[in-house]
Amino acid sequence: MDLPLGELCDVCTREINARAARAARWVSLGTTLVFGLYVMSVLPPLQGPRMIGAAATVTWFLVTRRITARIVSEWLRAR
């Protein structure tokens, strides 16, 4: 099987994606922990602001994970 110039085989692509997902998981967990602690320490102890802070923390996790996975996978492909 011949691959076009610059393309990766399926095994390499899966390995890069797995490594990127693992790195993204750890980066997003670490930054979300710090962000969540900051949000909860700044917000008043009322239910409304705390719920919005919790939603913002979940959103932070999802966005950070996706962005980090993309950056790491592109970096690994360029190596």
PDB file of N, CA and C in Angstrom:
ATOM      1  N   MET A   1       0.851  -1.176   0.000  1.00  0.00           N
ATOM      2  CA  MET A   1       0.000   0.000   0.000  1.00  0.00           C
ATOM      3  C   MET A   1       0.896   1.238   0.000  1.00  0.00           C
ATOM      4  N   ASP A   2       0.718   2.078  -0.967  1.00  0.00           N
ATOM      5  CA  ASP A   2       1.493   3.310  -1.070  1.00  0.00           C
ATOM      6  C   ASP A   2       0.697   4.466  -0.487  1.00  0.00           C
ATOM      7  N   LEU A   3       1.369   5.240   0.336  1.00  0.00           N
ATOM      8  CA  LEU A   3       0.759   6.425   0.928  1.00  0.00           C
ATOM      9  C   LEU A   3       1.216   7.649   0.168  1.00  0.00           C
ATOM     10  N   PRO A   4       0.338   8.611  -0.007  1.00  0.00           N
ATOM     11  CA  PRO A   4       0.775   9.870  -0.616  1.00  0.00           C
ATOM     12  C   PRO A   4       1.810  10.555   0.265  1.00  0.00           C
ATOM     13  N   LEU A   5       2.606  11.373  -0.348  1.00  0.00           N
ATOM     14  CA  LEU A   5       3.657  12.075   0.357  1.00  0.00           C
ATOM     15  C   LEU A   5       3.061  12.938   1.476  1.00  0.00           C
ATOM     16  N   GLY A   6       3.564  12.769   2.677  1.00  0.00           N
ATOM     17  CA  GLY A   6       3.106  13.550   3.815  1.00  0.00           C
ATOM     18  C   GLY A   6       1.968  12.930   4.593  1.00  0.00           C
ATOM     19  N   GLU A   7       1.403  11.824   4.115  1.00  0.00           N
ATOM     20  CA  GLU A   7       0.302  11.164   4.813  1.00  0.00           C
ATOM     21  C   GLU A   7       0.855  10.161   5.817  1.00  0.00           C
ATOM     22  N   LEU A   8       0.043   9.827   6.811  1.00  0.00           N
ATOM     23  CA  LEU A   8       0.417   8.850   7.827  1.00  0.00           C
ATOM     24  C   LEU A   8      -0.438   7.607   7.671  1.00  0.00           C
ATOM     25  N   CYS A   9       0.112   6.457   8.062  1.00  0.00           N
ATOM     26  CA  CYS A   9      -0.669   5.223   8.011  1.00  0.00           C
ATOM     27  C   CYS A   9      -1.731   5.256   9.117  1.00  0.00           C
ATOM     28  N   ASP A  10      -2.651   4.295   9.056  1.00  0.00           N
ATOM     29  CA  ASP A  10      -3.739   4.252  10.037  1.00  0.00           C
ATOM     30  C   ASP A  10      -3.232   4.002  11.452  1.00  0.00           C
ATOM     31  N   VAL A  11      -2.240   3.165  11.584  1.00  0.00           N
ATOM     32  CA  VAL A  11      -1.690   2.863  12.909  1.00  0.00           C
ATOM     33  C   VAL A  11      -1.055   4.112  13.515  1.00  0.00           C
ATOM     34  N   CYS A  12      -0.286   4.831  12.715  1.00  0.00           N
ATOM     35  CA  CYS A  12       0.360   6.057  13.209  1.00  0.00           C
ATOM     36  C   CYS A  12      -0.679   7.115  13.571  1.00  0.00           C
ATOM     37  N   THR A  13      -1.704   7.236  12.755  1.00  0.00           N
ATOM     38  CA  THR A  13      -2.760   8.212  13.027  1.00  0.00           C
ATOM     39  C   THR A  13      -3.470   7.891  14.337  1.00  0.00           C
ATOM     40  N   ARG A  14      -3.782   6.599  14.561  1.00  0.00           N
ATOM     41  CA  ARG A  14      -4.431   6.206  15.808  1.00  0.00           C
ATOM     42  C   ARG A  14      -3.533   6.450  17.009  1.00  0.00           C
ATOM     43  N   GLU A  15      -2.244   6.185  16.859  1.00  0.00           N
ATOM     44  CA  GLU A  15      -1.311   6.412  17.960  1.00  0.00           C
ATOM     45  C   GLU A  15      -1.191   7.903  18.286  1.00  0.00           C
ATOM     46  N   ILE A  16      -1.115   8.725  17.266  1.00  0.00           N
ATOM     47  CA  ILE A  16      -1.047  10.175  17.486  1.00  0.00           C
ATOM     48  C   ILE A  16      -2.311  10.672  18.163  1.00  0.00           C
ATOM     49  N   ASN A  17      -3.462  10.214  17.698  1.00  0.00           N
ATOM     50  CA  ASN A  17      -4.728  10.642  18.308  1.00  0.00           C
ATOM     51  C   ASN A  17      -4.838  10.176  19.753  1.00  0.00           C
ATOM     52  N   ALA A  18      -4.363   8.972  20.047  1.00  0.00           N
ATOM     53  CA  ALA A  18      -4.406   8.467  21.428  1.00  0.00           C
ATOM     54  C   ALA A  18      -3.485   9.277  22.331  1.00  0.00           C
ATOM     55  N   ARG A  19      -2.287   9.581  21.846  1.00  0.00           N
ATOM     56  CA  ARG A  19      -1.356  10.388  22.640  1.00  0.00           C
ATOM     57  C   ARG A  19      -1.894  11.796  22.855  1.00  0.00           C
ATOM     58  N   ALA A  20      -2.517  12.352  21.826  1.00  0.00           N
ATOM     59  CA  ALA A  20      -3.094  13.691  21.949  1.00  0.00           C
ATOM     60  C   ALA A  20      -4.259  13.699  22.931  1.00  0.00           C
ATOM     61  N   ALA A  21      -5.083  12.663  22.895  1.00  0.00           N
ATOM     62  CA  ALA A  21      -6.222  12.586  23.816  1.00  0.00           C
ATOM     63  C   ALA A  21      -5.752  12.454  25.260  1.00  0.00           C
ATOM     64  N   ARG A  22      -4.700  11.663  25.468  1.00  0.00           N
ATOM     65  CA  ARG A  22      -4.157  11.488  26.823  1.00  0.00           C
ATOM     66  C   ARG A  22      -3.594  12.810  27.350  1.00  0.00           C
ATOM     67  N   ALA A  23      -2.832  13.503  26.532  1.00  0.00           N
ATOM     68  CA  ALA A  23      -2.275  14.795  26.949  1.00  0.00           C
ATOM     69  C   ALA A  23      -3.385  15.807  27.200  1.00  0.00           C
ATOM     70  N   ALA A  24      -4.391  15.821  26.322  1.00  0.00           N
ATOM     71  CA  ALA A  24      -5.499  16.770  26.477  1.00  0.00           C
ATOM     72  C   ALA A  24      -6.281  16.500  27.747  1.00  0.00           C
ATOM     73  N   ARG A  25      -6.439  15.230  28.082  1.00  0.00           N
ATOM     74  CA  ARG A  25      -7.169  14.890  29.310  1.00  0.00           C
ATOM     75  C   ARG A  25      -6.457  15.447  30.531  1.00  0.00           C
ATOM     76  N   TRP A  26      -5.136  15.259  30.610  1.00  0.00           N
ATOM     77  CA  TRP A  26      -4.396  15.734  31.777  1.00  0.00           C
ATOM     78  C   TRP A  26      -4.322  17.254  31.843  1.00  0.00           C
ATOM     79  N   VAL A  27      -4.100  17.886  30.701  1.00  0.00           N
ATOM     80  CA  VAL A  27      -4.033  19.357  30.688  1.00  0.00           C
ATOM     81  C   VAL A  27      -5.383  19.942  31.076  1.00  0.00           C
ATOM     82  N   SER A  28      -6.463  19.405  30.493  1.00  0.00           N
ATOM     83  CA  SER A  28      -7.783  19.962  30.796  1.00  0.00           C
ATOM     84  C   SER A  28      -8.190  19.698  32.243  1.00  0.00           C
ATOM     85  N   LEU A  29      -7.827  18.536  32.793  1.00  0.00           N
ATOM     86  CA  LEU A  29      -8.140  18.281  34.204  1.00  0.00           C
ATOM     87  C   LEU A  29      -7.392  19.243  35.120  1.00  0.00           C
ATOM     88  N   GLY A  30      -6.116  19.464  34.839  1.00  0.00           N
ATOM     89  CA  GLY A  30      -5.326  20.376  35.670  1.00  0.00           C
ATOM     90  C   GLY A  30      -5.826  21.804  35.614  1.00  0.00           C
ATOM     91  N   THR A  31      -6.070  22.296  34.414  1.00  0.00           N
ATOM     92  CA  THR A  31      -6.525  23.681  34.297  1.00  0.00           C
ATOM     93  C   THR A  31      -7.947  23.847  34.818  1.00  0.00           C
ATOM     94  N   THR A  32      -8.778  22.812  34.654  1.00  0.00           N
ATOM     95  CA  THR A  32     -10.148  22.891  35.162  1.00  0.00           C
ATOM     96  C   THR A  32     -10.168  22.902  36.685  1.00  0.00           C
ATOM     97  N   LEU A  33      -9.286  22.147  37.290  1.00  0.00           N
ATOM     98  CA  LEU A  33      -9.203  22.156  38.749  1.00  0.00           C
ATOM     99  C   LEU A  33      -8.852  23.545  39.257  1.00  0.00           C
ATOM    100  N   VAL A  34      -7.854  24.162  38.655  1.00  0.00           N
ATOM    101  CA  VAL A  34      -7.451  25.517  39.062  1.00  0.00           C
ATOM    102  C   VAL A  34      -8.577  26.509  38.783  1.00  0.00           C
ATOM    103  N   PHE A  35      -9.178  26.416  37.592  1.00  0.00           N
ATOM    104  CA  PHE A  35     -10.267  27.327  37.235  1.00  0.00           C
ATOM    105  C   PHE A  35     -11.465  27.152  38.170  1.00  0.00           C
ATOM    106  N   GLY A  36     -11.815  25.911  38.469  1.00  0.00           N
ATOM    107  CA  GLY A  36     -12.954  25.653  39.354  1.00  0.00           C
ATOM    108  C   GLY A  36     -12.725  26.182  40.757  1.00  0.00           C
ATOM    109  N   LEU A  37     -11.516  25.990  41.268  1.00  0.00           N
ATOM    110  CA  LEU A  37     -11.211  26.529  42.601  1.00  0.00           C
ATOM    111  C   LEU A  37     -11.273  28.053  42.609  1.00  0.00           C
ATOM    112  N   TYR A  38     -10.770  28.658  41.554  1.00  0.00           N
ATOM    113  CA  TYR A  38     -10.825  30.118  41.458  1.00  0.00           C
ATOM    114  C   TYR A  38     -12.272  30.612  41.388  1.00  0.00           C
ATOM    115  N   VAL A  39     -13.063  29.995  40.535  1.00  0.00           N
ATOM    116  CA  VAL A  39     -14.460  30.421  40.370  1.00  0.00           C
ATOM    117  C   VAL A  39     -15.222  30.277  41.676  1.00  0.00           C
ATOM    118  N   MET A  40     -15.047  29.150  42.360  1.00  0.00           N
ATOM    119  CA  MET A  40     -15.782  28.940  43.600  1.00  0.00           C
ATOM    120  C   MET A  40     -15.303  29.848  44.727  1.00  0.00           C
ATOM    121  N   SER A  41     -14.050  30.290  44.686  1.00  0.00           N
ATOM    122  CA  SER A  41     -13.575  31.181  45.736  1.00  0.00           C
ATOM    123  C   SER A  41     -14.005  32.626  45.494  1.00  0.00           C
ATOM    124  N   VAL A  42     -14.264  32.983  44.246  1.00  0.00           N
ATOM    125  CA  VAL A  42     -14.624  34.361  43.905  1.00  0.00           C
ATOM    126  C   VAL A  42     -16.130  34.592  43.990  1.00  0.00           C
ATOM    127  N   LEU A  43     -16.923  33.594  43.623  1.00  0.00           N
ATOM    128  CA  LEU A  43     -18.377  33.772  43.569  1.00  0.00           C
ATOM    129  C   LEU A  43     -18.996  33.799  44.965  1.00  0.00           C
ATOM    130  N   PRO A  44     -20.080  34.529  45.108  1.00  0.00           N
ATOM    131  CA  PRO A  44     -20.778  34.536  46.404  1.00  0.00           C
ATOM    132  C   PRO A  44     -21.435  33.175  46.649  1.00  0.00           C
ATOM    133  N   PRO A  45     -21.646  32.838  47.914  1.00  0.00           N
ATOM    134  CA  PRO A  45     -22.198  31.511  48.231  1.00  0.00           C
ATOM    135  C   PRO A  45     -23.708  31.422  48.029  1.00  0.00           C
ATOM    136  N   LEU A  46     -24.176  31.807  46.875  1.00  0.00           N
ATOM    137  CA  LEU A  46     -25.583  31.688  46.519  1.00  0.00           C
ATOM    138  C   LEU A  46     -25.722  30.628  45.436  1.00  0.00           C
ATOM    139  N   GLN A  47     -26.908  30.024  45.356  1.00  0.00           N
ATOM    140  CA  GLN A  47     -27.093  28.915  44.426  1.00  0.00           C
ATOM    141  C   GLN A  47     -26.979  29.340  42.968  1.00  0.00           C
ATOM    142  N   GLY A  48     -27.534  30.474  42.599  1.00  0.00           N
ATOM    143  CA  GLY A  48     -27.511  30.927  41.209  1.00  0.00           C
ATOM    144  C   GLY A  48     -26.115  31.129  40.651  1.00  0.00           C
ATOM    145  N   PRO A  49     -25.324  31.962  41.314  1.00  0.00           N
ATOM    146  CA  PRO A  49     -23.952  32.152  40.810  1.00  0.00           C
ATOM    147  C   PRO A  49     -23.119  30.873  40.837  1.00  0.00           C
ATOM    148  N   ARG A  50     -23.337  30.017  41.820  1.00  0.00           N
ATOM    149  CA  ARG A  50     -22.583  28.765  41.889  1.00  0.00           C
ATOM    150  C   ARG A  50     -22.942  27.839  40.730  1.00  0.00           C
ATOM    151  N   MET A  51     -24.206  27.827  40.329  1.00  0.00           N
ATOM    152  CA  MET A  51     -24.626  26.990  39.197  1.00  0.00           C
ATOM    153  C   MET A  51     -24.009  27.510  37.899  1.00  0.00           C
ATOM    154  N   ILE A  52     -23.989  28.814  37.744  1.00  0.00           N
ATOM    155  CA  ILE A  52     -23.365  29.401  36.557  1.00  0.00           C
ATOM    156  C   ILE A  52     -21.859  29.120  36.571  1.00  0.00           C
ATOM    157  N   GLY A  53     -21.240  29.204  37.731  1.00  0.00           N
ATOM    158  CA  GLY A  53     -19.821  28.880  37.852  1.00  0.00           C
ATOM    159  C   GLY A  53     -19.537  27.419  37.525  1.00  0.00           C
ATOM    160  N   ALA A  54     -20.421  26.528  37.943  1.00  0.00           N
ATOM    161  CA  ALA A  54     -20.251  25.108  37.629  1.00  0.00           C
ATOM    162  C   ALA A  54     -20.401  24.868  36.127  1.00  0.00           C
ATOM    163  N   ALA A  55     -21.370  25.530  35.505  1.00  0.00           N
ATOM    164  CA  ALA A  55     -21.546  25.397  34.049  1.00  0.00           C
ATOM    165  C   ALA A  55     -20.338  25.960  33.308  1.00  0.00           C
ATOM    166  N   ALA A  56     -19.805  27.069  33.798  1.00  0.00           N
ATOM    167  CA  ALA A  56     -18.615  27.652  33.173  1.00  0.00           C
ATOM    168  C   ALA A  56     -17.414  26.723  33.323  1.00  0.00           C
ATOM    169  N   THR A  57     -17.319  26.042  34.449  1.00  0.00           N
ATOM    170  CA  THR A  57     -16.205  25.116  34.679  1.00  0.00           C
ATOM    171  C   THR A  57     -16.295  23.912  33.752  1.00  0.00           C
ATOM    172  N   VAL A  58     -17.486  23.372  33.565  1.00  0.00           N
ATOM    173  CA  VAL A  58     -17.670  22.248  32.630  1.00  0.00           C
ATOM    174  C   VAL A  58     -17.350  22.692  31.208  1.00  0.00           C
ATOM    175  N   THR A  59     -17.804  23.873  30.845  1.00  0.00           N
ATOM    176  CA  THR A  59     -17.504  24.404  29.511  1.00  0.00           C
ATOM    177  C   THR A  59     -16.006  24.595  29.342  1.00  0.00           C
ATOM    178  N   TRP A  60     -15.348  25.103  30.356  1.00  0.00           N
ATOM    179  CA  TRP A  60     -13.891  25.277  30.330  1.00  0.00           C
ATOM    180  C   TRP A  60     -13.200  23.940  30.060  1.00  0.00           C
ATOM    181  N   PHE A  61     -13.642  22.893  30.760  1.00  0.00           N
ATOM    182  CA  PHE A  61     -13.050  21.574  30.573  1.00  0.00           C
ATOM    183  C   PHE A  61     -13.199  21.094  29.129  1.00  0.00           C
ATOM    184  N   LEU A  62     -14.400  21.186  28.590  1.00  0.00           N
ATOM    185  CA  LEU A  62     -14.654  20.695  27.239  1.00  0.00           C
ATOM    186  C   LEU A  62     -13.875  21.471  26.184  1.00  0.00           C
ATOM    187  N   VAL A  63     -13.866  22.785  26.302  1.00  0.00           N
ATOM    188  CA  VAL A  63     -13.163  23.614  25.319  1.00  0.00           C
ATOM    189  C   VAL A  63     -11.650  23.401  25.427  1.00  0.00           C
ATOM    190  N   THR A  64     -11.128  23.369  26.636  1.00  0.00           N
ATOM    191  CA  THR A  64      -9.696  23.168  26.830  1.00  0.00           C
ATOM    192  C   THR A  64      -9.258  21.808  26.312  1.00  0.00           C
ATOM    193  N   ARG A  65     -10.063  20.802  26.552  1.00  0.00           N
ATOM    194  CA  ARG A  65      -9.708  19.458  26.080  1.00  0.00           C
ATOM    195  C   ARG A  65      -9.665  19.392  24.561  1.00  0.00           C
ATOM    196  N   ARG A  66     -10.638  19.980  23.932  1.00  0.00           N
ATOM    197  CA  ARG A  66     -10.688  19.943  22.462  1.00  0.00           C
ATOM    198  C   ARG A  66      -9.528  20.730  21.840  1.00  0.00           C
ATOM    199  N   ILE A  67      -9.282  21.914  22.356  1.00  0.00           N
ATOM    200  CA  ILE A  67      -8.197  22.745  21.815  1.00  0.00           C
ATOM    201  C   ILE A  67      -6.843  22.069  22.058  1.00  0.00           C
ATOM    202  N   THR A  68      -6.637  21.537  23.244  1.00  0.00           N
ATOM    203  CA  THR A  68      -5.366  20.893  23.555  1.00  0.00           C
ATOM    204  C   THR A  68      -5.148  19.654  22.694  1.00  0.00           C
ATOM    205  N   ALA A  69      -6.188  18.866  22.486  1.00  0.00           N
ATOM    206  CA  ALA A  69      -6.056  17.675  21.652  1.00  0.00           C
ATOM    207  C   ALA A  69      -5.667  18.058  20.230  1.00  0.00           C
ATOM    208  N   ARG A  70      -6.256  19.096  19.723  1.00  0.00           N
ATOM    209  CA  ARG A  70      -5.926  19.530  18.363  1.00  0.00           C
ATOM    210  C   ARG A  70      -4.487  20.032  18.260  1.00  0.00           C
ATOM    211  N   ILE A  71      -4.076  20.842  19.233  1.00  0.00           N
ATOM    212  CA  ILE A  71      -2.712  21.379  19.216  1.00  0.00           C
ATOM    213  C   ILE A  71      -1.688  20.252  19.329  1.00  0.00           C
ATOM    214  N   VAL A  72      -1.909  19.329  20.246  1.00  0.00           N
ATOM    215  CA  VAL A  72      -0.958  18.235  20.442  1.00  0.00           C
ATOM    216  C   VAL A  72      -0.912  17.324  19.217  1.00  0.00           C
ATOM    217  N   SER A  73      -2.058  17.016  18.639  1.00  0.00           N
ATOM    218  CA  SER A  73      -2.051  16.142  17.466  1.00  0.00           C
ATOM    219  C   SER A  73      -1.340  16.816  16.282  1.00  0.00           C
ATOM    220  N   GLU A  74      -1.559  18.115  16.094  1.00  0.00           N
ATOM    221  CA  GLU A  74      -0.851  18.812  15.028  1.00  0.00           C
ATOM    222  C   GLU A  74       0.652  18.868  15.301  1.00  0.00           C
ATOM    223  N   TRP A  75       1.027  19.053  16.546  1.00  0.00           N
ATOM    224  CA  TRP A  75       2.433  19.093  16.897  1.00  0.00           C
ATOM    225  C   TRP A  75       3.089  17.730  16.666  1.00  0.00           C
ATOM    226  N   LEU A  76       2.388  16.653  17.044  1.00  0.00           N
ATOM    227  CA  LEU A  76       2.935  15.318  16.849  1.00  0.00           C
ATOM    228  C   LEU A  76       3.030  14.956  15.357  1.00  0.00           C
ATOM    229  N   ARG A  77       2.089  15.413  14.572  1.00  0.00           N
ATOM    230  CA  ARG A  77       2.143  15.147  13.129  1.00  0.00           C
ATOM    231  C   ARG A  77       3.308  15.870  12.467  1.00  0.00           C
ATOM    232  N   ALA A  78       3.664  17.025  12.985  1.00  0.00           N
ATOM    233  CA  ALA A  78       4.746  17.821  12.389  1.00  0.00           C
ATOM    234  C   ALA A  78       6.122  17.273  12.746  1.00  0.00           C
ATOM    235  N   ARG A  79       6.186  16.451  13.758  1.00  0.00           N
ATOM    236  CA  ARG A  79       7.478  15.900  14.179  1.00  0.00           C
ATOM    237  C   ARG A  79       8.008  14.890  13.239  1.00  0.00           C
TER     238      ARG A  79
END
